[in-house]
Amino acid sequence: MTDIVKQINLEESTHPSIFIVTKNNLVALEILQKALNSLKHKKGLYLQANNFNINSRKEEYLSYDILFIDKIEFLKANEEEEFLSLLEELRREGKTVVFAATTEPQKLNMFSESLRNILGFGLVISIS
């Protein structure tokens, strides 16, 4: 796992997003936590998609250099439009979002094609 964290090197990453696919949620959690803890010069926030609340916390989310969003497949359907808006703002500001899910971005059929395309736009890492 440390190799994966070193590989994505978030301190110097030029990827607007990184999508980690693993069937094991605990592996995803461990990778995201190690990546967050490895930050020295950037400020990061870990959260789970089912606890995402854009309306009341958007300014807070925008204050971080890197957002780590676990279990993205559990993002509430009624938050998708605001979530897309937030991702666009983060991208414009040169910030990074690291997603984790049990399924590849293009197979997240509960989301619109626009969101699936954005989720799969950056670096996608599959871990068996």
N, C-alpha and C. Protein backbone atom coordinates (compact mmCIF):
# COMPACT_ATOMS: atom_id res chain seq x y z
N MET A 1 0.80 -1.21 0.00
CA MET A 1 0.00 0.00 0.00
C MET A 1 0.83 1.26 0.00
N THR A 2 1.94 1.19 0.69
CA THR A 2 2.83 2.34 0.70
C THR A 2 3.32 2.65 -0.71
N ASP A 3 3.54 1.59 -1.52
CA ASP A 3 3.96 1.79 -2.90
C ASP A 3 2.93 2.58 -3.69
N ILE A 4 1.66 2.30 -3.47
CA ILE A 4 0.60 3.00 -4.19
C ILE A 4 0.58 4.47 -3.77
N VAL A 5 0.73 4.73 -2.49
CA VAL A 5 0.75 6.11 -1.99
C VAL A 5 1.94 6.85 -2.60
N LYS A 6 3.10 6.19 -2.66
CA LYS A 6 4.27 6.81 -3.29
C LYS A 6 4.04 7.04 -4.77
N GLN A 7 3.39 6.09 -5.43
CA GLN A 7 3.14 6.18 -6.86
C GLN A 7 2.28 7.39 -7.20
N ILE A 8 1.26 7.67 -6.40
CA ILE A 8 0.38 8.80 -6.73
C ILE A 8 0.95 10.13 -6.25
N ASN A 9 1.91 10.13 -5.33
CA ASN A 9 2.65 11.31 -4.89
C ASN A 9 1.83 12.59 -4.95
N LEU A 10 0.93 12.74 -4.03
CA LEU A 10 -0.01 13.85 -4.04
C LEU A 10 0.63 15.21 -3.82
N GLU A 11 1.81 15.25 -3.25
CA GLU A 11 2.48 16.54 -3.06
C GLU A 11 2.86 17.16 -4.39
N GLU A 12 3.12 16.32 -5.40
CA GLU A 12 3.57 16.82 -6.70
C GLU A 12 2.64 16.40 -7.84
N SER A 13 1.51 15.84 -7.54
CA SER A 13 0.61 15.32 -8.57
C SER A 13 0.08 16.43 -9.47
N THR A 14 0.02 16.12 -10.75
CA THR A 14 -0.59 17.04 -11.71
C THR A 14 -1.96 16.54 -12.15
N HIS A 15 -2.40 15.43 -11.57
CA HIS A 15 -3.69 14.86 -11.91
C HIS A 15 -4.80 15.63 -11.18
N PRO A 16 -5.84 16.07 -11.90
CA PRO A 16 -6.95 16.74 -11.22
C PRO A 16 -7.74 15.78 -10.35
N SER A 17 -7.70 14.49 -10.74
CA SER A 17 -8.39 13.49 -9.93
C SER A 17 -7.68 12.15 -10.05
N ILE A 18 -7.84 11.38 -8.99
CA ILE A 18 -7.31 10.02 -8.95
C ILE A 18 -8.45 9.14 -8.46
N PHE A 19 -8.68 8.04 -9.16
CA PHE A 19 -9.78 7.15 -8.83
C PHE A 19 -9.19 5.79 -8.51
N ILE A 20 -9.38 5.35 -7.27
CA ILE A 20 -8.86 4.06 -6.82
C ILE A 20 -10.01 3.07 -6.78
N VAL A 21 -9.83 1.96 -7.49
CA VAL A 21 -10.85 0.91 -7.55
C VAL A 21 -10.32 -0.31 -6.82
N THR A 22 -11.06 -0.75 -5.81
CA THR A 22 -10.72 -1.98 -5.11
C THR A 22 -12.00 -2.60 -4.57
N LYS A 23 -12.07 -3.90 -4.60
CA LYS A 23 -13.25 -4.60 -4.09
C LYS A 23 -13.31 -4.60 -2.57
N ASN A 24 -12.20 -4.27 -1.94
CA ASN A 24 -12.11 -4.31 -0.49
C ASN A 24 -12.13 -2.88 0.07
N ASN A 25 -13.23 -2.52 0.73
CA ASN A 25 -13.36 -1.17 1.28
C ASN A 25 -12.30 -0.84 2.32
N LEU A 26 -11.85 -1.84 3.05
CA LEU A 26 -10.81 -1.58 4.06
C LEU A 26 -9.47 -1.24 3.41
N VAL A 27 -9.19 -1.85 2.27
CA VAL A 27 -7.96 -1.52 1.54
C VAL A 27 -8.05 -0.07 1.06
N ALA A 28 -9.19 0.31 0.52
CA ALA A 28 -9.38 1.69 0.06
C ALA A 28 -9.20 2.67 1.21
N LEU A 29 -9.82 2.37 2.34
CA LEU A 29 -9.71 3.24 3.51
C LEU A 29 -8.25 3.38 3.93
N GLU A 30 -7.53 2.27 3.97
CA GLU A 30 -6.12 2.31 4.38
C GLU A 30 -5.29 3.15 3.41
N ILE A 31 -5.51 2.99 2.12
CA ILE A 31 -4.77 3.78 1.13
C ILE A 31 -5.07 5.26 1.28
N LEU A 32 -6.35 5.60 1.40
CA LEU A 32 -6.72 7.01 1.52
C LEU A 32 -6.15 7.61 2.80
N GLN A 33 -6.21 6.88 3.90
CA GLN A 33 -5.68 7.40 5.16
C GLN A 33 -4.16 7.58 5.09
N LYS A 34 -3.46 6.62 4.49
CA LYS A 34 -2.00 6.75 4.35
C LYS A 34 -1.65 7.93 3.44
N ALA A 35 -2.40 8.09 2.38
CA ALA A 35 -2.15 9.23 1.47
C ALA A 35 -2.38 10.55 2.19
N LEU A 36 -3.45 10.63 2.95
CA LEU A 36 -3.76 11.84 3.71
C LEU A 36 -2.65 12.11 4.74
N ASN A 37 -2.25 11.08 5.45
CA ASN A 37 -1.21 11.25 6.47
C ASN A 37 0.17 11.55 5.89
N SER A 38 0.36 11.25 4.60
CA SER A 38 1.66 11.51 3.97
C SER A 38 1.82 12.97 3.55
N LEU A 39 0.75 13.74 3.58
CA LEU A 39 0.82 15.13 3.14
C LEU A 39 1.66 15.95 4.11
N LYS A 40 2.59 16.70 3.54
CA LYS A 40 3.43 17.57 4.37
C LYS A 40 3.15 19.05 4.08
N HIS A 41 2.89 19.37 2.82
CA HIS A 41 2.75 20.77 2.42
C HIS A 41 1.36 21.11 1.91
N LYS A 42 0.51 20.14 1.85
CA LYS A 42 -0.86 20.36 1.38
C LYS A 42 -1.84 19.96 2.46
N LYS A 43 -3.01 20.56 2.39
CA LYS A 43 -4.05 20.30 3.38
C LYS A 43 -5.11 19.39 2.75
N GLY A 44 -5.42 18.28 3.41
CA GLY A 44 -6.37 17.32 2.87
C GLY A 44 -7.50 17.01 3.85
N LEU A 45 -8.60 16.52 3.29
CA LEU A 45 -9.77 16.14 4.09
C LEU A 45 -10.30 14.81 3.58
N TYR A 46 -10.50 13.86 4.50
CA TYR A 46 -11.11 12.56 4.17
C TYR A 46 -12.59 12.60 4.54
N LEU A 47 -13.42 12.09 3.65
CA LEU A 47 -14.84 11.93 3.97
C LEU A 47 -15.43 10.81 3.14
N GLN A 48 -16.55 10.30 3.61
CA GLN A 48 -17.27 9.26 2.87
C GLN A 48 -18.40 9.93 2.11
N ALA A 49 -18.64 9.46 0.90
CA ALA A 49 -19.62 10.09 0.02
C ALA A 49 -21.02 10.11 0.63
N ASN A 50 -21.37 9.10 1.40
CA ASN A 50 -22.72 9.09 1.98
C ASN A 50 -22.88 10.15 3.07
N ASN A 51 -21.78 10.74 3.54
CA ASN A 51 -21.84 11.82 4.53
C ASN A 51 -21.57 13.18 3.90
N PHE A 52 -21.48 13.20 2.59
CA PHE A 52 -21.17 14.43 1.87
C PHE A 52 -22.33 15.40 2.01
N ASN A 53 -22.04 16.65 2.31
CA ASN A 53 -23.08 17.67 2.43
C ASN A 53 -22.58 18.96 1.82
N ILE A 54 -22.81 19.09 0.54
CA ILE A 54 -22.26 20.22 -0.20
C ILE A 54 -22.88 21.54 0.23
N ASN A 55 -24.17 21.56 0.42
CA ASN A 55 -24.85 22.83 0.72
C ASN A 55 -24.30 23.52 1.95
N SER A 56 -24.05 22.79 3.02
CA SER A 56 -23.60 23.44 4.25
C SER A 56 -22.08 23.48 4.41
N ARG A 57 -21.34 22.75 3.55
CA ARG A 57 -19.90 22.67 3.76
C ARG A 57 -19.07 23.02 2.52
N LYS A 58 -19.68 23.58 1.50
CA LYS A 58 -18.97 23.84 0.25
C LYS A 58 -17.72 24.68 0.45
N GLU A 59 -17.82 25.76 1.19
CA GLU A 59 -16.66 26.63 1.43
C GLU A 59 -15.55 25.87 2.16
N GLU A 60 -15.94 25.02 3.10
CA GLU A 60 -14.93 24.21 3.79
C GLU A 60 -14.22 23.29 2.80
N TYR A 61 -14.98 22.60 1.96
CA TYR A 61 -14.38 21.69 0.98
C TYR A 61 -13.42 22.44 0.07
N LEU A 62 -13.79 23.65 -0.33
CA LEU A 62 -12.95 24.44 -1.23
C LEU A 62 -11.67 24.93 -0.56
N SER A 63 -11.62 24.91 0.76
CA SER A 63 -10.44 25.40 1.48
C SER A 63 -9.31 24.37 1.52
N TYR A 64 -9.57 23.14 1.09
CA TYR A 64 -8.56 22.08 1.11
C TYR A 64 -7.88 21.97 -0.25
N ASP A 65 -6.63 21.53 -0.24
CA ASP A 65 -5.90 21.28 -1.48
C ASP A 65 -6.32 19.96 -2.11
N ILE A 66 -6.63 18.98 -1.24
CA ILE A 66 -6.98 17.63 -1.71
C ILE A 66 -8.15 17.10 -0.91
N LEU A 67 -9.17 16.63 -1.61
CA LEU A 67 -10.29 15.95 -0.97
C LEU A 67 -10.15 14.46 -1.24
N PHE A 68 -10.30 13.66 -0.21
CA PHE A 68 -10.29 12.20 -0.32
C PHE A 68 -11.72 11.74 -0.09
N ILE A 69 -12.36 11.24 -1.13
CA ILE A 69 -13.77 10.87 -1.04
C ILE A 69 -13.90 9.36 -1.21
N ASP A 70 -14.23 8.70 -0.13
CA ASP A 70 -14.35 7.25 -0.10
C ASP A 70 -15.79 6.84 -0.44
N LYS A 71 -15.92 5.66 -1.00
CA LYS A 71 -17.23 5.07 -1.32
C LYS A 71 -18.08 6.02 -2.16
N ILE A 72 -17.50 6.52 -3.24
CA ILE A 72 -18.18 7.50 -4.08
C ILE A 72 -19.49 6.94 -4.63
N GLU A 73 -19.60 5.63 -4.73
CA GLU A 73 -20.83 5.03 -5.26
C GLU A 73 -22.04 5.30 -4.36
N PHE A 74 -21.80 5.79 -3.13
CA PHE A 74 -22.89 6.08 -2.21
C PHE A 74 -23.26 7.56 -2.16
N LEU A 75 -22.75 8.34 -3.10
CA LEU A 75 -23.16 9.75 -3.19
C LEU A 75 -24.66 9.80 -3.42
N LYS A 76 -25.35 10.63 -2.68
CA LYS A 76 -26.81 10.73 -2.81
C LYS A 76 -27.18 11.34 -4.16
N ALA A 77 -28.16 10.75 -4.81
CA ALA A 77 -28.58 11.18 -6.14
C ALA A 77 -28.96 12.66 -6.17
N ASN A 78 -29.59 13.15 -5.11
CA ASN A 78 -30.03 14.54 -5.10
C ASN A 78 -28.86 15.52 -4.92
N GLU A 79 -27.64 15.02 -4.72
CA GLU A 79 -26.47 15.89 -4.56
C GLU A 79 -25.59 15.90 -5.81
N GLU A 80 -25.95 15.14 -6.83
CA GLU A 80 -25.08 15.00 -7.99
C GLU A 80 -24.80 16.34 -8.69
N GLU A 81 -25.81 17.14 -8.91
CA GLU A 81 -25.62 18.40 -9.62
C GLU A 81 -24.68 19.34 -8.85
N GLU A 82 -24.90 19.46 -7.54
CA GLU A 82 -24.03 20.31 -6.71
C GLU A 82 -22.62 19.72 -6.65
N PHE A 83 -22.53 18.41 -6.64
CA PHE A 83 -21.23 17.74 -6.61
C PHE A 83 -20.45 18.05 -7.89
N LEU A 84 -21.12 17.99 -9.02
CA LEU A 84 -20.47 18.34 -10.30
C LEU A 84 -19.97 19.77 -10.27
N SER A 85 -20.75 20.67 -9.73
CA SER A 85 -20.36 22.08 -9.62
C SER A 85 -19.12 22.22 -8.73
N LEU A 86 -19.11 21.53 -7.61
CA LEU A 86 -17.96 21.57 -6.71
C LEU A 86 -16.71 21.03 -7.41
N LEU A 87 -16.83 19.91 -8.11
CA LEU A 87 -15.68 19.34 -8.82
C LEU A 87 -15.12 20.32 -9.84
N GLU A 88 -15.99 21.02 -10.54
CA GLU A 88 -15.56 22.00 -11.53
C GLU A 88 -14.80 23.14 -10.85
N GLU A 89 -15.30 23.61 -9.72
CA GLU A 89 -14.61 24.68 -8.98
C GLU A 89 -13.24 24.21 -8.49
N LEU A 90 -13.18 23.01 -7.96
CA LEU A 90 -11.91 22.46 -7.49
C LEU A 90 -10.92 22.34 -8.64
N ARG A 91 -11.39 21.89 -9.79
CA ARG A 91 -10.52 21.75 -10.97
C ARG A 91 -9.98 23.11 -11.40
N ARG A 92 -10.87 24.13 -11.43
CA ARG A 92 -10.44 25.48 -11.83
C ARG A 92 -9.38 26.03 -10.88
N GLU A 93 -9.47 25.67 -9.62
CA GLU A 93 -8.51 26.15 -8.62
C GLU A 93 -7.25 25.28 -8.55
N GLY A 94 -7.16 24.26 -9.40
CA GLY A 94 -5.98 23.41 -9.44
C GLY A 94 -5.87 22.44 -8.28
N LYS A 95 -6.99 22.10 -7.70
CA LYS A 95 -6.99 21.18 -6.56
C LYS A 95 -7.22 19.76 -7.04
N THR A 96 -6.95 18.81 -6.17
CA THR A 96 -7.05 17.40 -6.52
C THR A 96 -8.13 16.71 -5.69
N VAL A 97 -8.81 15.76 -6.33
CA VAL A 97 -9.78 14.93 -5.63
C VAL A 97 -9.38 13.48 -5.83
N VAL A 98 -9.32 12.74 -4.73
CA VAL A 98 -9.00 11.31 -4.78
C VAL A 98 -10.27 10.56 -4.39
N PHE A 99 -10.74 9.74 -5.31
CA PHE A 99 -11.96 8.96 -5.09
C PHE A 99 -11.59 7.51 -4.84
N ALA A 100 -12.45 6.81 -4.11
CA ALA A 100 -12.30 5.35 -3.97
C ALA A 100 -13.68 4.73 -4.13
N ALA A 101 -13.71 3.59 -4.81
CA ALA A 101 -14.97 2.87 -5.03
C ALA A 101 -14.66 1.41 -5.30
N THR A 102 -15.69 0.60 -5.28
CA THR A 102 -15.55 -0.82 -5.58
C THR A 102 -15.76 -1.11 -7.06
N THR A 103 -16.07 -0.09 -7.84
CA THR A 103 -16.39 -0.23 -9.26
C THR A 103 -15.70 0.85 -10.07
N GLU A 104 -15.30 0.54 -11.29
CA GLU A 104 -14.69 1.52 -12.18
C GLU A 104 -15.67 2.66 -12.45
N PRO A 105 -15.15 3.87 -12.72
CA PRO A 105 -16.02 5.03 -12.93
C PRO A 105 -17.11 4.82 -13.99
N GLN A 106 -16.75 4.22 -15.12
CA GLN A 106 -17.73 4.07 -16.20
C GLN A 106 -18.83 3.06 -15.88
N LYS A 107 -18.64 2.26 -14.84
CA LYS A 107 -19.66 1.28 -14.46
C LYS A 107 -20.55 1.77 -13.33
N LEU A 108 -20.38 3.01 -12.91
CA LEU A 108 -21.23 3.59 -11.86
C LEU A 108 -22.51 4.12 -12.50
N ASN A 109 -23.36 3.21 -12.92
CA ASN A 109 -24.55 3.56 -13.71
C ASN A 109 -25.60 4.35 -12.95
N MET A 110 -25.45 4.48 -11.64
CA MET A 110 -26.40 5.29 -10.88
C MET A 110 -26.16 6.78 -11.11
N PHE A 111 -25.00 7.12 -11.71
CA PHE A 111 -24.65 8.51 -11.97
C PHE A 111 -24.86 8.87 -13.43
N SER A 112 -24.97 10.15 -13.69
CA SER A 112 -25.11 10.63 -15.07
C SER A 112 -23.81 10.35 -15.83
N GLU A 113 -23.91 10.36 -17.14
CA GLU A 113 -22.72 10.17 -17.97
C GLU A 113 -21.70 11.27 -17.71
N SER A 114 -22.17 12.48 -17.47
CA SER A 114 -21.25 13.59 -17.18
C SER A 114 -20.40 13.30 -15.95
N LEU A 115 -21.03 12.85 -14.88
CA LEU A 115 -20.29 12.56 -13.66
C LEU A 115 -19.36 11.37 -13.87
N ARG A 116 -19.82 10.34 -14.54
CA ARG A 116 -18.95 9.17 -14.80
C ARG A 116 -17.71 9.59 -15.59
N ASN A 117 -17.89 10.47 -16.57
CA ASN A 117 -16.76 10.95 -17.36
C ASN A 117 -15.77 11.73 -16.51
N ILE A 118 -16.27 12.58 -15.63
CA ILE A 118 -15.39 13.36 -14.77
C ILE A 118 -14.65 12.44 -13.80
N LEU A 119 -15.36 11.47 -13.22
CA LEU A 119 -14.72 10.55 -12.29
C LEU A 119 -13.59 9.75 -12.96
N GLY A 120 -13.76 9.43 -14.23
CA GLY A 120 -12.77 8.65 -14.95
C GLY A 120 -11.74 9.46 -15.71
N PHE A 121 -11.80 10.77 -15.57
CA PHE A 121 -10.94 11.66 -16.36
C PHE A 121 -9.47 11.59 -15.96
N GLY A 122 -9.19 11.47 -14.69
CA GLY A 122 -7.80 11.49 -14.21
C GLY A 122 -7.18 10.12 -14.20
N LEU A 123 -6.29 9.91 -13.28
CA LEU A 123 -5.60 8.65 -13.11
C LEU A 123 -6.53 7.64 -12.46
N VAL A 124 -6.70 6.47 -13.07
CA VAL A 124 -7.51 5.40 -12.48
C VAL A 124 -6.58 4.24 -12.13
N ILE A 125 -6.63 3.84 -10.85
CA ILE A 125 -5.77 2.76 -10.36
C ILE A 125 -6.65 1.64 -9.86
N SER A 126 -6.48 0.44 -10.45
CA SER A 126 -7.23 -0.74 -9.99
C SER A 126 -6.32 -1.60 -9.12
N ILE A 127 -6.84 -1.97 -7.97
CA ILE A 127 -6.09 -2.79 -7.03
C ILE A 127 -6.85 -4.09 -6.82
N SER A 128 -6.16 -5.22 -7.09
CA SER A 128 -6.85 -6.50 -6.91
C SER A 128 -6.68 -7.03 -5.51
